[in-house]
Each structure stands twice: as C-alpha cells, then as structure tokens.
C-alpha cells in the first residue's frame, strides 16, 4: 500500500519499504514532524535508531532542519514544501507552534541513536532494572582481551599436540591472530547455529609419522643410488620423467627429508619417484623399476593425502571448541575488567528484557519512548529485532515503525539477517511502500522494472521487486 504521509495510520507496528532513491530520509523527517504534533510528543520521546554513526549524524541534522523549516511556516515564512504547509493547516494552533519551538531549541535532547547508542542509553537509564554495572567502561575494541584468551588456549593446544598436528598447524599458518580474525565476528551471537554442533573426537594424524620416518631413512640410505639406477634405466617416458629433472627432484627430497616441520609441503619428487608413477612412465618392452624406497614413497604420499583433509576437519573442530570457550570466558574476563564492547550492549539489554524484570524494563522504555522509528531495518540481526519486539510488544499502547529495503541488505557479514526482516514484515499491521524514484532517469527506472519483472527475481519467494515510477 502506498504511503499517505498525512493520513496513513501509524499506531501499533508498521513497516515502510523504501527502494533506493524513493525519498526515504525525506519521508522519515516528514513523519517525525507529523507524529511530533499529532501525538503531542517531545523530541526526547520519539526514538529514532539507525545503524551507523554517520547515518545517525545525517539523520539528526535532516530532522532538525525539517522541524526548523516547519517552525518558520508557523511564524509566517512561506515554504515550497507542500507537506509542511498541509501539516501546518492541520495543526494551526498556538500549542503546536510552542511544541515545535521547544523541539527546535531543545533538539540536543532528541533521542536519535545508533543501535548501540540506544542500548547503552537504555542500560544507563534503567540500570537497576537491567542489573547493570554503573562503573563499566565501553570499549570500541576488545581485541586485546580476545587475544589474551586465545594465546592461553593456543599454548594449551600446542602443549598437548602430537608432532603431526603441530606441523599441520604450521603448514596452515594458524596463529592466535588468525583465529581471532576467523572467530571474532561470530562471538556474542547466541542465535548463530554452529556446525558441527556436537563435540568431535580428535582426528588422529599420528599415522603419517612412521610413514615419513621410514621413507626418510630409506631415502637417506639409498636415495642417490636409486637415482643413478633411474638415470641408467633408459625406459622412462621423457614427457613425465625427463632425466634432466632427476637432480632437482632429488635435491628437493634431500631438503624435505631433512626438515620434519615441512612434512606437509611435499615436493614433486615424492610422487615422481614413487612406484606408481614410475610404473606408468615405463615404456613398452622395459621392466618397471621397483624397489623398497619407491614403495615407501607411495605409502607416504597416501598418508599425506589422508592427513590433509583429516587435519582440516580437526582444524574446524578446534575453531568450534574455541568459539564455545570464548563465548563462555570472554564475558567473564570483561566483567572482571569492567569493560563492555558494542555487542555486549545488545546482549545485555536483550538478556535484561528476557529476564525476571523484563516486563518492568520494557514498560519503562515504552514510557520513555512511546514512539520508535527504526531506520535501515534490513540491516538488523535477530538480537536487535528481539529487543524492539520485546519493548514494543503487540497490543501495547506504544508505536513502532520499521523503515528498510530488503534489496539493500548488505551486512550479513556483521550478522544482519534477511529472515529477521521478513519475520518483522509479516508481523507488521500494514506495510507501506514509497512508489516513486526521485534519483534516476525514467529510462533507467523503466529498464530496471522490466529486468526484474519475473517470478522470484532474487531467487527467494518472499523477496520481490516492487516496480517504481
């Protein structure tokens, strides 16, 4: 349904879907002005939330400017903004003018926040209900604490590691910093499903050690003699086994067998001098050159082929175990140091709302902010939605309006979840849309409308492309 900014109802829970270029911010500022007068609210009672600091600053300035322009209309200055003229005509009374005057001059009190800023304010204002720590310090970077925990876990892992597992970790260049980069974005997100969900038995890589030691002993004892025999054989294909390469391959094997740490960096000679490769390379009329060393090289090659995928599975299990450990120990370490990171703010408020005093906390926040406008809602995650769903429960007297565009959901890497947006849309009283694009040429809009004019244009049944004019 198309949005009528002056008359469309905004009680209960509403959703505005705004494609790119359809005047979303203009609409938000107009809606803010209308509801300020219609509901007789102050700027401190209208909660506006968006998802980046830059967007928050821009939205704050745009809303303030729109209110100032509307106040000028009340004071007799003509405006080319038809909506503001109509809004003034609907609420021409002196009480509305005074309300606007207070809003403009007291706009520093406007409740316009990032999602983390809102959670921080909510936890501070309702510290007793939320069970917060009055002395906790907000930190923008908790890497130091994460690194300390990972270093402890890493030392423990290496202390108990068999040589083959330790060498695999070296081969994969696994370090505490690598693990932090892999795991950090998944921390503090209880809604994530981690696979494998059950603890995995440690994969045994020790079988590679005896194969490597046996082949190394044979190579060091007979390798050079074996290479001389291959030079003299004369029946090997020169397409796969050029004799000029025997020397370099042998030198690589010398270095490899001298360095156990390089066990997973097998050189070409391991396969080339193995019995299977030599048998395939043998020309007709020539007997395949065979010896115990060639068989041992094949056995080692097979052991390596099995160890690499097994090591990768063990590395996955290690990351799952570390993620569980960090999610358990990181909050304890932060609490001991009285530190909070941004995601902690979300989780703290969500836990408080779901806890024993959740009803009282939600009622307190509804009383403080009887109206909420949530911008860029396509970038929300399940925790963020759970917070607003709990505060602005259906059936309450407060009102909640989401504004977003599921086609612009770009923060999945940060936890944004399109399924959460779809769930919120289904629970909205009445979704509105903005049908006109003001940014692009008519030719481009016509082309895009034609391009996406087919079933499931985004390969998802509940994500459609609404044509715009």
Protein backbone atom coordinates (compact mmCIF):
# COMPACT_ATOMS: atom_id res chain seq x y z
CA UNK A 1 0.00 0.00 0.00
CA UNK A 2 1.30 3.44 -0.93
CA UNK A 3 2.06 5.72 1.99
CA UNK A 4 -0.01 8.85 2.60
CA UNK A 5 2.26 10.84 4.89
CA UNK A 6 -0.52 12.95 6.33
CA UNK A 7 -3.26 10.34 6.82
CA UNK A 8 -1.86 6.80 6.86
CA UNK A 9 -2.22 5.37 10.39
CA UNK A 10 0.92 4.71 12.44
CA UNK A 11 -0.49 3.11 15.54
CA UNK A 12 0.75 -0.35 16.52
CA UNK A 13 3.53 -1.83 14.42
CA UNK A 14 4.14 -0.53 10.90
CA UNK A 15 6.65 -1.00 8.09
CA UNK A 16 7.74 1.33 5.31
CA UNK A 17 9.57 -0.37 2.44
CA UNK A 18 11.63 2.20 0.57
CA UNK A 19 13.58 1.27 -2.55
CA UNK A 20 16.74 3.23 -3.31
CA UNK A 21 16.05 6.79 -4.42
CA UNK A 22 12.41 6.89 -3.30
CA UNK A 23 12.91 9.61 -0.67
CA UNK A 24 13.26 7.50 2.45
CA UNK A 25 15.04 10.14 4.55
CA UNK A 26 12.67 12.88 3.36
CA UNK A 27 9.77 10.64 4.38
CA UNK A 28 11.29 9.92 7.78
CA UNK A 29 11.77 13.60 8.57
CA UNK A 30 8.20 14.37 7.48
CA UNK A 31 6.80 11.51 9.52
CA UNK A 32 8.78 12.68 12.57
CA UNK A 33 7.30 16.19 12.24
CA UNK A 34 3.74 14.88 11.80
CA UNK A 35 3.87 12.48 14.77
CA UNK A 36 5.52 15.09 17.00
CA UNK A 37 2.43 17.27 16.57
CA UNK A 38 -0.19 14.54 16.20
CA UNK A 39 0.88 12.62 19.32
CA UNK A 40 1.90 15.79 21.22
CA UNK A 41 5.34 14.41 21.97
CA UNK A 42 8.71 15.94 22.74
CA UNK A 43 11.89 15.16 20.78
CA UNK A 44 13.08 13.10 23.74
CA UNK A 45 10.05 10.79 23.42
CA UNK A 46 10.49 9.84 19.76
CA UNK A 47 13.14 7.16 19.49
CA UNK A 48 14.97 7.11 16.15
CA UNK A 49 17.51 4.36 15.56
CA UNK A 50 19.80 3.75 12.62
CA UNK A 51 22.89 1.58 12.17
CA UNK A 52 25.96 3.73 11.58
CA UNK A 53 27.36 6.79 13.31
CA UNK A 54 27.48 8.72 10.02
CA UNK A 55 23.85 7.90 9.20
CA UNK A 56 22.81 8.94 12.70
CA UNK A 57 24.53 12.31 12.38
CA UNK A 58 22.97 12.95 8.96
CA UNK A 59 19.50 11.93 10.11
CA UNK A 60 19.75 14.12 13.19
CA UNK A 61 20.65 17.15 11.08
CA UNK A 62 17.94 16.45 8.48
CA UNK A 63 15.21 16.11 11.13
CA UNK A 64 16.31 19.28 12.92
CA UNK A 65 16.32 21.22 9.64
CA UNK A 66 12.84 19.93 8.74
CA UNK A 67 11.43 20.97 12.11
CA UNK A 68 13.08 24.38 11.79
CA UNK A 69 11.50 24.84 8.35
CA UNK A 70 8.10 23.87 9.73
CA UNK A 71 8.52 26.32 12.61
CA UNK A 72 9.26 29.05 10.07
CA UNK A 73 5.93 28.27 8.38
CA UNK A 74 4.18 28.75 11.73
CA UNK A 75 5.95 32.10 12.06
CA UNK A 76 4.76 33.31 8.67
CA UNK A 77 7.61 32.40 6.30
CA UNK A 78 6.28 30.89 3.04
CA UNK A 79 7.50 27.39 2.20
CA UNK A 80 7.68 25.49 -1.07
CA UNK A 81 7.24 22.23 0.87
CA UNK A 82 3.59 21.28 0.26
CA UNK A 83 3.64 18.70 3.03
CA UNK A 84 4.74 21.22 5.65
CA UNK A 85 2.06 23.66 4.50
CA UNK A 86 -0.61 20.94 4.82
CA UNK A 87 0.72 19.90 8.23
CA UNK A 88 0.54 23.50 9.42
CA UNK A 89 -3.00 23.76 8.12
CA UNK A 90 -3.98 20.65 10.09
CA UNK A 91 -2.39 21.83 13.36
CA UNK A 92 -2.53 25.65 13.22
CA UNK A 93 -2.95 26.16 16.97
CA UNK A 94 -0.56 28.01 19.26
CA UNK A 95 0.13 24.86 21.30
CA UNK A 96 1.56 23.18 18.20
CA UNK A 97 3.75 26.21 17.47
CA UNK A 98 5.10 26.16 21.03
CA UNK A 99 5.73 22.42 20.76
CA UNK A 100 7.75 23.00 17.60
CA UNK A 101 9.64 25.87 19.18
CA UNK A 102 10.64 23.68 22.11
CA UNK A 103 11.58 20.86 19.71
CA UNK A 104 13.89 23.04 17.63
CA UNK A 105 15.57 24.82 20.52
CA UNK A 106 15.82 21.68 22.61
CA UNK A 107 16.86 19.38 19.80
CA UNK A 108 20.05 18.37 21.60
CA UNK A 109 17.72 16.18 23.71
CA UNK A 110 16.45 14.30 20.63
CA UNK A 111 16.58 10.53 21.08
CA UNK A 112 18.37 9.73 17.82
CA UNK A 113 20.90 6.94 18.24
CA UNK A 114 22.83 4.16 16.62
CA UNK A 115 21.55 0.78 17.76
CA UNK A 116 24.48 0.50 20.17
CA UNK A 117 23.95 4.05 21.42
CA UNK A 118 20.32 3.26 22.19
CA UNK A 119 21.24 0.10 24.08
CA UNK A 120 23.85 1.99 26.09
CA UNK A 121 21.35 4.72 26.99
CA UNK A 122 18.68 2.15 27.89
CA UNK A 123 21.08 0.27 30.16
CA UNK A 124 22.19 3.50 31.83
CA UNK A 125 18.70 4.93 32.32
CA UNK A 126 17.34 1.65 33.66
CA UNK A 127 20.48 0.38 35.37
CA UNK A 128 18.62 -1.10 38.34
CA UNK A 129 16.06 -2.93 36.20
CA UNK A 130 18.77 -4.13 33.78
CA UNK A 131 21.14 -5.19 36.56
CA UNK A 132 23.95 -3.16 35.01
CA UNK A 133 27.33 -2.25 36.40
CA UNK A 134 27.49 1.50 36.93
CA UNK A 135 31.27 1.51 36.56
CA UNK A 136 31.60 -0.46 33.31
CA UNK A 137 33.61 1.25 30.61
CA UNK A 138 32.62 0.99 26.95
CA UNK A 139 35.44 -0.07 24.66
CA UNK A 140 35.35 0.14 20.89
CA UNK A 141 37.96 -2.60 20.56
CA UNK A 142 38.05 -5.79 22.63
CA UNK A 143 40.79 -7.44 20.56
CA UNK A 144 43.30 -7.27 23.40
CA UNK A 145 41.08 -9.35 25.69
CA UNK A 146 40.24 -11.81 22.91
CA UNK A 147 43.92 -12.15 22.02
CA UNK A 148 44.85 -12.87 25.64
CA UNK A 149 42.28 -15.65 25.84
CA UNK A 150 43.36 -17.09 22.50
CA UNK A 151 47.04 -17.06 23.47
CA UNK A 152 46.18 -19.06 26.58
CA UNK A 153 44.11 -21.52 24.55
CA UNK A 154 46.83 -21.71 21.88
CA UNK A 155 49.52 -22.58 24.39
CA UNK A 156 47.33 -25.33 25.78
CA UNK A 157 46.60 -26.70 22.30
CA UNK A 158 50.27 -26.80 21.29
CA UNK A 159 51.36 -28.30 24.61
CA UNK A 160 49.07 -31.30 24.01
CA UNK A 161 49.61 -31.53 20.23
CA UNK A 162 51.23 -34.54 18.64
CA UNK A 163 54.01 -33.66 16.14
CA UNK A 164 51.84 -34.27 13.07
CA UNK A 165 49.07 -31.94 14.33
CA UNK A 166 51.58 -29.25 15.33
CA UNK A 167 53.18 -29.43 11.88
CA UNK A 168 49.78 -29.22 10.21
CA UNK A 169 49.03 -26.02 12.14
CA UNK A 170 52.38 -24.60 10.99
CA UNK A 171 51.59 -25.60 7.40
CA UNK A 172 48.22 -23.80 7.56
CA UNK A 173 49.87 -20.75 9.21
CA UNK A 174 47.45 -20.91 12.14
CA UNK A 175 48.20 -18.34 14.84
CA UNK A 176 46.17 -16.67 17.61
CA UNK A 177 45.71 -13.63 15.33
CA UNK A 178 44.43 -15.86 12.50
CA UNK A 179 41.99 -17.48 14.92
CA UNK A 180 40.81 -14.09 16.21
CA UNK A 181 40.14 -12.90 12.68
CA UNK A 182 38.19 -16.07 11.96
CA UNK A 183 36.14 -16.16 15.14
CA UNK A 184 35.60 -12.56 16.25
CA UNK A 185 32.61 -11.83 14.03
CA UNK A 186 30.82 -14.89 15.44
CA UNK A 187 31.30 -14.02 19.12
CA UNK A 188 28.40 -12.88 21.26
CA UNK A 189 25.76 -14.02 18.77
CA UNK A 190 23.72 -16.72 20.51
CA UNK A 191 21.33 -17.00 17.57
CA UNK A 192 24.03 -18.46 15.31
CA UNK A 193 23.91 -22.19 14.63
CA UNK A 194 27.42 -23.59 14.84
CA UNK A 195 28.25 -26.74 12.90
CA UNK A 196 29.29 -29.35 13.88
CA UNK A 197 27.10 -28.83 16.92
CA UNK A 198 28.38 -31.85 18.83
CA UNK A 199 31.97 -32.13 20.09
CA UNK A 200 34.08 -34.07 17.62
CA UNK A 201 36.63 -36.71 18.54
CA UNK A 202 40.14 -35.51 17.79
CA UNK A 203 41.31 -36.81 14.42
CA UNK A 204 44.46 -38.89 14.78
CA UNK A 205 47.20 -37.72 12.42
CA UNK A 206 49.95 -39.76 14.04
CA UNK A 207 49.91 -42.39 11.26
CA UNK A 208 51.83 -40.07 8.98
CA UNK A 209 54.87 -40.02 11.30
CA UNK A 210 56.03 -43.66 10.86
CA UNK A 211 55.45 -43.46 7.08
CA UNK A 212 57.58 -40.31 6.89
CA UNK A 213 60.35 -41.71 9.10
CA UNK A 214 60.52 -44.98 7.14
CA UNK A 215 60.69 -43.20 3.77
CA UNK A 216 63.22 -40.70 5.11
CA UNK A 217 65.52 -43.46 6.38
CA UNK A 218 65.38 -45.31 3.05
CA UNK A 219 65.97 -42.13 1.08
CA UNK A 220 68.97 -41.10 3.11
CA UNK A 221 70.43 -44.62 2.83
CA UNK A 222 69.68 -45.47 -0.81
CA UNK A 223 68.22 -42.39 -2.49
CA UNK A 224 71.20 -41.32 -4.56
CA UNK A 225 71.93 -44.88 -5.66
CA UNK A 226 68.29 -45.19 -6.73
CA UNK A 227 68.52 -42.01 -8.79
CA UNK A 228 71.64 -43.35 -10.55
CA UNK A 229 69.70 -46.53 -11.40
CA UNK A 230 66.85 -44.47 -12.84
CA UNK A 231 69.30 -42.47 -14.97
CA UNK A 232 70.65 -45.75 -16.34
CA UNK A 233 67.21 -47.32 -16.89
CA UNK A 234 66.54 -45.67 -20.25
CA UNK A 235 62.92 -46.81 -20.43
CA UNK A 236 61.13 -43.93 -18.74
CA UNK A 237 58.87 -41.54 -20.68
CA UNK A 238 60.58 -38.23 -21.28
CA UNK A 239 57.26 -36.41 -21.20
CA UNK A 240 56.73 -37.13 -17.49
CA UNK A 241 60.20 -38.19 -16.30
CA UNK A 242 62.86 -36.16 -18.04
CA UNK A 243 66.23 -37.27 -16.72
CA UNK A 244 67.33 -33.64 -16.52
CA UNK A 245 64.79 -33.18 -13.70
CA UNK A 246 66.01 -36.11 -11.61
CA UNK A 247 68.71 -34.00 -9.96
CA UNK A 248 66.41 -31.11 -8.89
CA UNK A 249 63.74 -33.56 -7.65
CA UNK A 250 66.37 -35.42 -5.64
CA UNK A 251 67.70 -32.18 -4.13
CA UNK A 252 64.16 -31.21 -3.10
CA UNK A 253 63.72 -34.58 -1.41
CA UNK A 254 67.06 -34.20 0.37
CA UNK A 255 65.92 -30.89 1.85
CA UNK A 256 62.42 -32.15 2.63
CA UNK A 257 63.52 -35.26 4.49
CA UNK A 258 66.00 -33.15 6.46
CA UNK A 259 63.22 -30.92 7.82
CA UNK A 260 60.36 -32.71 9.65
CA UNK A 261 58.50 -29.40 10.05
CA UNK A 262 57.98 -29.33 6.26
CA UNK A 263 56.22 -32.71 6.19
CA UNK A 264 53.03 -31.28 4.59
CA UNK A 265 54.96 -29.42 1.85
CA UNK A 266 55.73 -32.48 -0.23
CA UNK A 267 57.98 -31.81 -3.26
CA UNK A 268 57.29 -33.11 -6.76
CA UNK A 269 59.87 -35.85 -6.40
CA UNK A 270 57.72 -37.68 -3.81
CA UNK A 271 55.21 -38.63 -6.47
CA UNK A 272 57.62 -38.79 -9.41
CA UNK A 273 59.92 -41.33 -7.74
CA UNK A 274 57.06 -43.40 -6.33
CA UNK A 275 56.38 -46.88 -7.67
CA UNK A 276 53.01 -45.97 -9.23
CA UNK A 277 54.32 -43.02 -11.24
CA UNK A 278 57.38 -44.93 -12.39
CA UNK A 279 55.22 -47.85 -13.49
CA UNK A 280 53.00 -45.57 -15.58
CA UNK A 281 56.03 -43.80 -17.08
CA UNK A 282 57.73 -47.06 -18.16
CA UNK A 283 57.84 -47.62 -21.94
CA UNK A 284 56.79 -50.88 -23.56
CA UNK A 285 59.49 -53.50 -23.51
CA UNK A 286 61.03 -52.14 -20.32
CA UNK A 287 60.51 -53.56 -16.86
CA UNK A 288 59.22 -51.11 -14.30
CA UNK A 289 61.96 -50.02 -11.90
CA UNK A 290 60.89 -51.13 -8.44
CA UNK A 291 62.46 -51.03 -5.00
CA UNK A 292 61.52 -50.69 -1.36
CA UNK A 293 62.18 -46.93 -1.48
CA UNK A 294 59.71 -46.39 -4.36
CA UNK A 295 57.01 -48.30 -2.44
CA UNK A 296 57.75 -46.31 0.72
CA UNK A 297 57.38 -43.03 -1.18
CA UNK A 298 53.93 -44.12 -2.39
CA UNK A 299 52.93 -45.14 1.13
CA UNK A 300 54.00 -41.73 2.43
CA UNK A 301 52.17 -39.97 -0.40
CA UNK A 302 48.96 -41.86 0.51
CA UNK A 303 49.38 -40.99 4.18
CA UNK A 304 49.73 -37.32 3.30
CA UNK A 305 46.64 -37.44 1.07
CA UNK A 306 44.64 -38.79 4.02
CA UNK A 307 46.19 -36.47 6.60
CA UNK A 308 45.42 -33.17 4.85
CA UNK A 309 41.59 -33.47 4.84
CA UNK A 310 41.72 -35.04 8.31
CA UNK A 311 43.76 -32.08 9.52
CA UNK A 312 41.24 -29.65 8.05
CA UNK A 313 38.43 -31.43 9.90
CA UNK A 314 40.43 -31.23 13.11
CA UNK A 315 41.00 -27.51 12.49
CA UNK A 316 37.24 -26.99 12.13
CA UNK A 317 36.68 -28.82 15.42
CA UNK A 318 39.33 -26.63 17.06
CA UNK A 319 37.57 -23.45 15.90
CA UNK A 320 34.19 -24.70 17.16
CA UNK A 321 35.72 -25.54 20.55
CA UNK A 322 37.47 -22.17 20.76
CA UNK A 323 34.28 -20.33 19.83
CA UNK A 324 32.42 -22.07 22.66
CA UNK A 325 35.28 -21.33 25.05
CA UNK A 326 35.46 -17.65 24.08
CA UNK A 327 31.70 -17.19 24.38
CA UNK A 328 31.94 -18.63 27.89
CA UNK A 329 35.12 -16.94 29.12
CA UNK A 330 35.08 -13.59 27.30
CA UNK A 331 32.11 -12.14 29.24
CA UNK A 332 33.75 -13.27 32.49
CA UNK A 333 37.06 -11.62 31.57
CA UNK A 334 35.31 -8.40 30.52
CA UNK A 335 33.23 -8.35 33.70
CA UNK A 336 36.40 -8.75 35.78
CA UNK A 337 37.90 -5.75 33.97
CA UNK A 338 34.57 -3.85 33.94
CA UNK A 339 34.60 -3.48 30.18
CA UNK A 340 31.78 -3.65 27.64
CA UNK A 341 32.10 -3.96 23.85
CA UNK A 342 29.38 -2.88 21.43
CA UNK A 343 27.88 -6.35 21.02
CA UNK A 344 27.80 -6.68 24.81
CA UNK A 345 25.41 -3.74 24.93
CA UNK A 346 22.97 -5.57 22.67
CA UNK A 347 23.24 -8.83 24.56
CA UNK A 348 22.98 -7.15 27.98
CA UNK A 349 19.79 -5.32 27.04
CA UNK A 350 18.28 -8.39 25.39
CA UNK A 351 19.08 -10.56 28.42
CA UNK A 352 17.60 -7.96 30.74
CA UNK A 353 14.41 -7.78 28.66
CA UNK A 354 14.09 -11.57 28.69
CA UNK A 355 14.94 -11.83 32.40
CA UNK A 356 12.87 -11.65 35.59
CA UNK A 357 12.39 -7.87 35.41
CA UNK A 358 11.91 -7.84 31.63
CA UNK A 359 8.27 -6.70 31.82
CA UNK A 360 9.14 -3.75 34.06
CA UNK A 361 12.12 -2.77 31.90
CA UNK A 362 10.09 -2.96 28.67
CA UNK A 363 7.30 -0.87 30.26
CA UNK A 364 9.84 1.71 31.44
CA UNK A 365 11.36 2.03 27.95
CA UNK A 366 7.90 2.25 26.33
CA UNK A 367 7.01 5.02 28.74
CA UNK A 368 10.21 6.89 27.90
CA UNK A 369 9.88 6.32 24.14
CA UNK A 370 6.19 5.84 23.22
CA UNK A 371 7.11 6.05 19.53
CA UNK A 372 10.07 4.42 17.75
CA UNK A 373 11.27 4.82 14.15
CA UNK A 374 13.88 2.23 13.17
CA UNK A 375 15.79 3.13 10.01
CA UNK A 376 17.78 0.76 7.74
CA UNK A 377 15.93 -2.14 9.27
CA UNK A 378 17.12 -4.55 6.58
CA UNK A 379 20.49 -4.48 8.39
CA UNK A 380 19.11 -5.74 11.69
CA UNK A 381 20.01 -9.04 13.31
CA UNK A 382 17.89 -11.38 15.49
CA UNK A 383 19.10 -9.83 18.77
CA UNK A 384 18.30 -6.29 17.64
CA UNK A 385 14.84 -7.31 16.48
CA UNK A 386 14.21 -9.24 19.70
CA UNK A 387 14.93 -6.05 21.68
CA UNK A 388 12.37 -3.94 19.81
CA UNK A 389 9.88 -6.80 19.61
CA UNK A 390 10.01 -7.10 23.41
CA UNK A 391 9.82 -3.38 24.15
CA UNK A 392 7.07 -2.64 21.63
CA UNK A 393 5.10 -5.84 22.16
CA UNK A 394 1.99 -6.18 20.03
CA UNK A 395 -1.02 -4.95 21.93
CA UNK A 396 0.88 -2.26 23.80
CA UNK A 397 -0.08 1.41 23.51
CA UNK A 398 3.34 2.38 22.08
CA UNK A 399 4.02 2.50 18.35
CA UNK A 400 6.88 1.02 16.33
CA UNK A 401 7.72 1.76 12.70
CA UNK A 402 10.44 -0.02 10.73
CA UNK A 403 11.89 1.53 7.59
CA UNK A 404 14.01 -0.50 5.23
CA UNK A 405 14.60 -2.15 1.89
CA UNK A 406 15.35 -5.89 1.86
CA UNK A 407 17.02 -5.49 -1.54
CA UNK A 408 19.73 -3.41 0.14
CA UNK A 409 20.61 -5.92 2.89
CA UNK A 410 24.43 -5.82 2.74
CA UNK A 411 25.59 -6.53 6.29
CA UNK A 412 25.22 -10.31 6.50
CA UNK A 413 28.93 -10.45 7.41
CA UNK A 414 28.04 -8.44 10.53
CA UNK A 415 25.07 -10.60 11.50
CA UNK A 416 22.28 -8.88 9.55
CA UNK A 417 19.64 -11.48 8.79
CA UNK A 418 17.13 -11.11 5.97
CA UNK A 419 14.90 -13.78 7.54
CA UNK A 420 14.53 -11.50 10.57
CA UNK A 421 13.37 -8.67 8.31
CA UNK A 422 10.83 -10.96 6.64
CA UNK A 423 9.55 -12.04 10.07
CA UNK A 424 9.14 -8.40 11.13
CA UNK A 425 7.32 -7.60 7.89
CA UNK A 426 4.86 -10.42 8.49
CA UNK A 427 4.14 -9.09 11.98
CA UNK A 428 3.55 -5.51 10.86
CA UNK A 429 -0.01 -4.17 10.90
CA UNK A 430 0.25 -2.72 7.41
CA UNK A 431 3.33 -2.45 5.19
CA UNK A 432 3.59 0.78 3.23
CA UNK A 433 5.79 1.48 0.23
CA UNK A 434 7.24 4.52 -1.48
CA UNK A 435 6.32 4.13 -5.15
CA UNK A 436 8.29 6.95 -6.81
CA UNK A 437 12.02 7.16 -7.54
CA UNK A 438 13.43 10.71 -7.50
CA UNK A 439 17.08 9.87 -8.15
CA UNK A 440 17.29 8.09 -11.53
CA UNK A 441 16.19 8.83 -15.07
CA UNK A 442 12.85 7.44 -16.30
CA UNK A 443 14.68 5.33 -18.88
CA UNK A 444 16.79 3.61 -16.22
CA UNK A 445 13.77 3.02 -13.98
CA UNK A 446 11.81 1.51 -16.89
CA UNK A 447 14.75 -0.76 -17.70
CA UNK A 448 15.06 -1.96 -14.10
CA UNK A 449 11.33 -2.56 -13.80
CA UNK A 450 11.50 -4.67 -16.96
CA UNK A 451 14.62 -6.53 -15.86
CA UNK A 452 13.08 -7.67 -12.58
CA UNK A 453 9.57 -8.29 -13.93
CA UNK A 454 9.53 -12.06 -13.43
CA UNK A 455 8.73 -14.51 -10.61
CA UNK A 456 11.23 -14.60 -7.77
CA UNK A 457 13.64 -12.04 -9.26
CA UNK A 458 16.03 -12.58 -6.33
CA UNK A 459 15.58 -16.39 -6.21
CA UNK A 460 13.65 -16.08 -2.94
CA UNK A 461 9.89 -16.45 -2.70
CA UNK A 462 9.39 -13.77 -0.05
CA UNK A 463 11.67 -11.16 -1.63
CA UNK A 464 10.05 -9.32 -4.51
CA UNK A 465 10.85 -6.28 -6.63
CA UNK A 466 8.08 -3.66 -6.36
CA UNK A 467 8.07 -1.54 -9.55
CA UNK A 468 8.69 2.16 -9.02
CA UNK A 469 7.70 5.15 -11.08
